[in-house]
N, C-alpha and C. Protein backbone atom coordinates (compact mmCIF):
# COMPACT_ATOMS: atom_id res chain seq x y z
N MET A 1 176.53 54.24 8.63
CA MET A 1 175.55 53.87 7.63
C MET A 1 174.18 54.35 8.05
N THR A 2 173.45 54.89 7.12
CA THR A 2 172.11 55.40 7.40
C THR A 2 171.05 54.31 7.32
N GLY A 3 171.43 53.15 6.84
CA GLY A 3 170.47 52.06 6.68
C GLY A 3 169.97 51.95 5.26
N LYS A 4 170.28 52.93 4.42
CA LYS A 4 169.86 52.89 3.02
C LYS A 4 170.84 52.04 2.24
N LEU A 5 170.31 51.12 1.45
CA LEU A 5 171.14 50.30 0.58
C LEU A 5 170.88 50.66 -0.87
N ILE A 6 171.92 50.55 -1.67
CA ILE A 6 171.83 50.77 -3.10
C ILE A 6 172.06 49.42 -3.76
N PHE A 7 171.10 48.99 -4.58
CA PHE A 7 171.18 47.69 -5.22
C PHE A 7 171.61 47.85 -6.67
N GLY A 8 172.44 46.93 -7.12
CA GLY A 8 172.89 46.97 -8.50
C GLY A 8 173.42 45.62 -8.93
N GLY A 9 173.90 45.59 -10.14
CA GLY A 9 174.46 44.38 -10.70
C GLY A 9 175.98 44.41 -10.63
N TYR A 10 176.59 43.93 -11.69
CA TYR A 10 178.04 43.86 -11.75
C TYR A 10 178.66 45.26 -11.73
N ARG A 11 179.70 45.38 -10.93
CA ARG A 11 180.58 46.56 -10.95
C ARG A 11 182.01 46.02 -10.90
N PRO A 12 182.96 46.73 -11.48
CA PRO A 12 184.34 46.28 -11.34
C PRO A 12 184.70 46.11 -9.87
N SER A 13 185.35 45.03 -9.55
CA SER A 13 185.82 44.61 -8.22
C SER A 13 184.77 43.91 -7.38
N VAL A 14 183.53 43.76 -7.87
CA VAL A 14 182.49 43.11 -7.05
C VAL A 14 182.84 41.64 -6.78
N ILE A 15 183.50 40.97 -7.72
CA ILE A 15 183.87 39.57 -7.51
C ILE A 15 184.80 39.45 -6.31
N GLY A 16 185.84 40.26 -6.29
CA GLY A 16 186.77 40.24 -5.16
C GLY A 16 186.11 40.63 -3.85
N GLN A 17 185.18 41.58 -3.91
CA GLN A 17 184.47 42.00 -2.70
C GLN A 17 183.56 40.90 -2.17
N ILE A 18 182.92 40.15 -3.07
CA ILE A 18 182.08 39.03 -2.63
C ILE A 18 182.95 37.98 -1.95
N ILE A 19 184.10 37.69 -2.53
CA ILE A 19 185.03 36.75 -1.91
C ILE A 19 185.46 37.28 -0.55
N GLY A 20 185.73 38.57 -0.45
CA GLY A 20 186.12 39.18 0.82
C GLY A 20 185.06 39.04 1.89
N LEU A 21 183.79 39.25 1.53
CA LEU A 21 182.71 39.07 2.50
C LEU A 21 182.63 37.62 2.97
N HIS A 22 182.77 36.69 2.04
CA HIS A 22 182.74 35.27 2.42
C HIS A 22 183.89 34.94 3.38
N MET A 23 185.08 35.41 3.05
CA MET A 23 186.23 35.10 3.90
C MET A 23 186.13 35.80 5.25
N GLY A 24 185.56 37.00 5.27
CA GLY A 24 185.35 37.71 6.53
C GLY A 24 184.42 36.97 7.47
N TYR A 25 183.52 36.17 6.92
CA TYR A 25 182.62 35.37 7.74
C TYR A 25 183.17 33.97 7.99
N TYR A 26 183.53 33.26 6.93
CA TYR A 26 183.89 31.85 7.06
C TYR A 26 185.26 31.60 7.69
N ALA A 27 186.22 32.49 7.49
CA ALA A 27 187.55 32.27 8.08
C ALA A 27 187.49 32.29 9.61
N PRO A 28 186.95 33.33 10.24
CA PRO A 28 186.95 33.32 11.71
C PRO A 28 185.92 32.38 12.33
N ASN A 29 184.79 32.16 11.65
CA ASN A 29 183.73 31.36 12.25
C ASN A 29 183.85 29.86 11.98
N TRP A 30 184.45 29.50 10.86
CA TRP A 30 184.53 28.09 10.47
C TRP A 30 185.94 27.64 10.15
N ASN A 31 186.91 28.53 10.35
CA ASN A 31 188.32 28.24 10.12
C ASN A 31 188.60 27.85 8.66
N PHE A 32 187.84 28.44 7.73
CA PHE A 32 188.08 28.19 6.31
C PHE A 32 189.22 29.09 5.86
N GLY A 33 190.14 28.56 5.10
CA GLY A 33 191.30 29.33 4.69
C GLY A 33 191.53 29.33 3.18
N VAL A 34 192.78 29.14 2.81
CA VAL A 34 193.20 29.30 1.43
C VAL A 34 192.50 28.33 0.48
N VAL A 35 192.22 27.12 0.91
CA VAL A 35 191.55 26.16 0.02
C VAL A 35 190.15 26.68 -0.34
N PHE A 36 189.42 27.17 0.65
CA PHE A 36 188.08 27.71 0.42
C PHE A 36 188.15 28.97 -0.43
N GLU A 37 189.08 29.85 -0.12
CA GLU A 37 189.18 31.12 -0.86
C GLU A 37 189.53 30.88 -2.32
N THR A 38 190.46 29.97 -2.60
CA THR A 38 190.82 29.70 -3.99
C THR A 38 189.68 28.99 -4.73
N LYS A 39 188.92 28.16 -4.02
CA LYS A 39 187.74 27.52 -4.63
C LYS A 39 186.71 28.58 -5.03
N LEU A 40 186.45 29.52 -4.12
CA LEU A 40 185.54 30.63 -4.45
C LEU A 40 186.02 31.39 -5.67
N ALA A 41 187.30 31.76 -5.67
CA ALA A 41 187.85 32.55 -6.77
C ALA A 41 187.76 31.80 -8.09
N ARG A 42 188.09 30.52 -8.09
CA ARG A 42 188.04 29.72 -9.30
C ARG A 42 186.60 29.60 -9.82
N GLU A 43 185.68 29.22 -8.93
CA GLU A 43 184.30 29.01 -9.36
C GLU A 43 183.62 30.32 -9.77
N MET A 44 183.91 31.39 -9.05
CA MET A 44 183.32 32.67 -9.43
C MET A 44 183.89 33.16 -10.76
N GLY A 45 185.18 32.94 -10.97
CA GLY A 45 185.80 33.32 -12.25
C GLY A 45 185.18 32.58 -13.41
N GLU A 46 184.95 31.28 -13.23
CA GLU A 46 184.32 30.48 -14.28
C GLU A 46 182.88 30.96 -14.53
N PHE A 47 182.16 31.24 -13.45
CA PHE A 47 180.78 31.69 -13.60
C PHE A 47 180.70 33.03 -14.32
N PHE A 48 181.46 34.02 -13.85
CA PHE A 48 181.35 35.35 -14.44
C PHE A 48 181.91 35.41 -15.86
N ALA A 49 182.80 34.50 -16.21
CA ALA A 49 183.30 34.45 -17.59
C ALA A 49 182.19 34.02 -18.56
N ARG A 50 181.19 33.30 -18.08
CA ARG A 50 180.08 32.87 -18.93
C ARG A 50 178.75 33.51 -18.54
N PHE A 51 178.80 34.51 -17.68
CA PHE A 51 177.59 35.17 -17.19
C PHE A 51 176.73 35.67 -18.34
N ASP A 52 175.44 35.37 -18.28
CA ASP A 52 174.48 35.81 -19.29
C ASP A 52 173.28 36.38 -18.54
N SER A 53 173.05 37.67 -18.67
CA SER A 53 171.98 38.33 -17.90
C SER A 53 170.59 37.83 -18.28
N ASP A 54 170.44 37.16 -19.40
CA ASP A 54 169.15 36.57 -19.75
C ASP A 54 168.91 35.24 -19.03
N ARG A 55 169.96 34.67 -18.46
CA ARG A 55 169.86 33.37 -17.82
C ARG A 55 170.26 33.42 -16.33
N ASP A 56 171.26 34.21 -16.02
CA ASP A 56 171.85 34.27 -14.68
C ASP A 56 171.43 35.56 -13.98
N PHE A 57 171.70 35.64 -12.69
CA PHE A 57 171.26 36.79 -11.90
C PHE A 57 172.31 37.14 -10.86
N LEU A 58 172.58 38.42 -10.74
CA LEU A 58 173.45 38.95 -9.68
C LEU A 58 172.80 40.22 -9.17
N VAL A 59 172.66 40.30 -7.86
CA VAL A 59 172.30 41.57 -7.24
C VAL A 59 173.27 41.80 -6.09
N ALA A 60 173.81 43.00 -6.05
CA ALA A 60 174.74 43.39 -5.00
C ALA A 60 174.15 44.58 -4.25
N ALA A 61 174.31 44.59 -2.94
CA ALA A 61 173.80 45.68 -2.11
C ALA A 61 174.99 46.45 -1.54
N TYR A 62 174.98 47.75 -1.76
CA TYR A 62 176.04 48.63 -1.29
C TYR A 62 175.48 49.58 -0.23
N ASP A 63 176.29 49.84 0.80
CA ASP A 63 175.87 50.78 1.83
C ASP A 63 176.11 52.21 1.34
N ASP A 64 175.77 53.19 2.17
CA ASP A 64 175.89 54.58 1.74
C ASP A 64 177.34 55.05 1.62
N ALA A 65 178.29 54.23 2.09
CA ALA A 65 179.71 54.53 1.90
C ALA A 65 180.26 53.76 0.70
N ASN A 66 179.38 53.17 -0.10
CA ASN A 66 179.72 52.42 -1.31
C ASN A 66 180.51 51.14 -1.02
N ARG A 67 180.32 50.58 0.17
CA ARG A 67 180.93 49.29 0.53
C ARG A 67 179.92 48.18 0.26
N LEU A 68 180.41 47.06 -0.22
CA LEU A 68 179.52 45.94 -0.47
C LEU A 68 178.98 45.41 0.85
N ALA A 69 177.67 45.35 0.96
CA ALA A 69 177.01 44.87 2.18
C ALA A 69 176.51 43.44 2.02
N GLY A 70 176.28 43.00 0.79
CA GLY A 70 175.81 41.64 0.55
C GLY A 70 175.58 41.42 -0.93
N ALA A 71 175.39 40.15 -1.28
CA ALA A 71 175.15 39.81 -2.69
C ALA A 71 174.42 38.47 -2.77
N VAL A 72 173.72 38.31 -3.87
CA VAL A 72 173.05 37.05 -4.21
C VAL A 72 173.34 36.77 -5.67
N VAL A 73 173.73 35.54 -5.96
CA VAL A 73 174.00 35.13 -7.34
C VAL A 73 173.18 33.88 -7.62
N LEU A 74 172.49 33.88 -8.76
CA LEU A 74 171.77 32.70 -9.23
C LEU A 74 172.39 32.27 -10.55
N ASP A 75 172.75 31.01 -10.62
CA ASP A 75 173.34 30.42 -11.81
C ASP A 75 172.25 29.67 -12.55
N GLY A 76 171.94 30.11 -13.76
CA GLY A 76 170.84 29.52 -14.51
C GLY A 76 171.23 28.42 -15.47
N ILE A 77 172.49 28.03 -15.48
CA ILE A 77 172.90 26.97 -16.39
C ILE A 77 172.41 25.62 -15.86
N GLY A 78 171.95 24.79 -16.74
CA GLY A 78 171.43 23.48 -16.32
C GLY A 78 169.96 23.58 -15.98
N PRO A 79 169.41 22.51 -15.41
CA PRO A 79 167.98 22.54 -15.06
C PRO A 79 167.75 23.41 -13.83
N GLY A 80 166.83 24.34 -13.92
CA GLY A 80 166.49 25.20 -12.78
C GLY A 80 167.57 26.23 -12.50
N MET A 81 167.47 26.85 -11.34
CA MET A 81 168.43 27.86 -10.90
C MET A 81 169.22 27.31 -9.73
N HIS A 82 170.47 27.70 -9.63
CA HIS A 82 171.34 27.27 -8.54
C HIS A 82 171.75 28.51 -7.75
N LEU A 83 171.38 28.56 -6.48
CA LEU A 83 171.76 29.67 -5.60
C LEU A 83 173.23 29.56 -5.29
N ARG A 84 173.98 30.62 -5.59
CA ARG A 84 175.43 30.63 -5.36
C ARG A 84 175.80 31.91 -4.63
N TRP A 85 176.76 31.84 -3.79
CA TRP A 85 177.40 33.01 -3.18
C TRP A 85 176.42 34.01 -2.59
N PHE A 86 175.59 33.51 -1.73
CA PHE A 86 174.61 34.31 -1.00
C PHE A 86 175.27 34.76 0.29
N ILE A 87 175.47 36.06 0.44
CA ILE A 87 176.12 36.56 1.65
C ILE A 87 175.56 37.94 1.98
């Protein structure tokens, strides 16, 4: 990696990649397994099914090899913003 990141929004497979980054960190460091992974998948599926770019926010950072390096999601439903899936 050259250190240059490419920032963008939704791309096909980004949901699975965000889950993969979370599991790559939380499984070995905190022993989180299938219960955590399925919770992520369920909640992210529900969120992205109702995603509205006028209310919600997603930014994904990709390295120069087009691998997901990190992401931030803000859920705007309800009062204020809710930080979700920051990795």
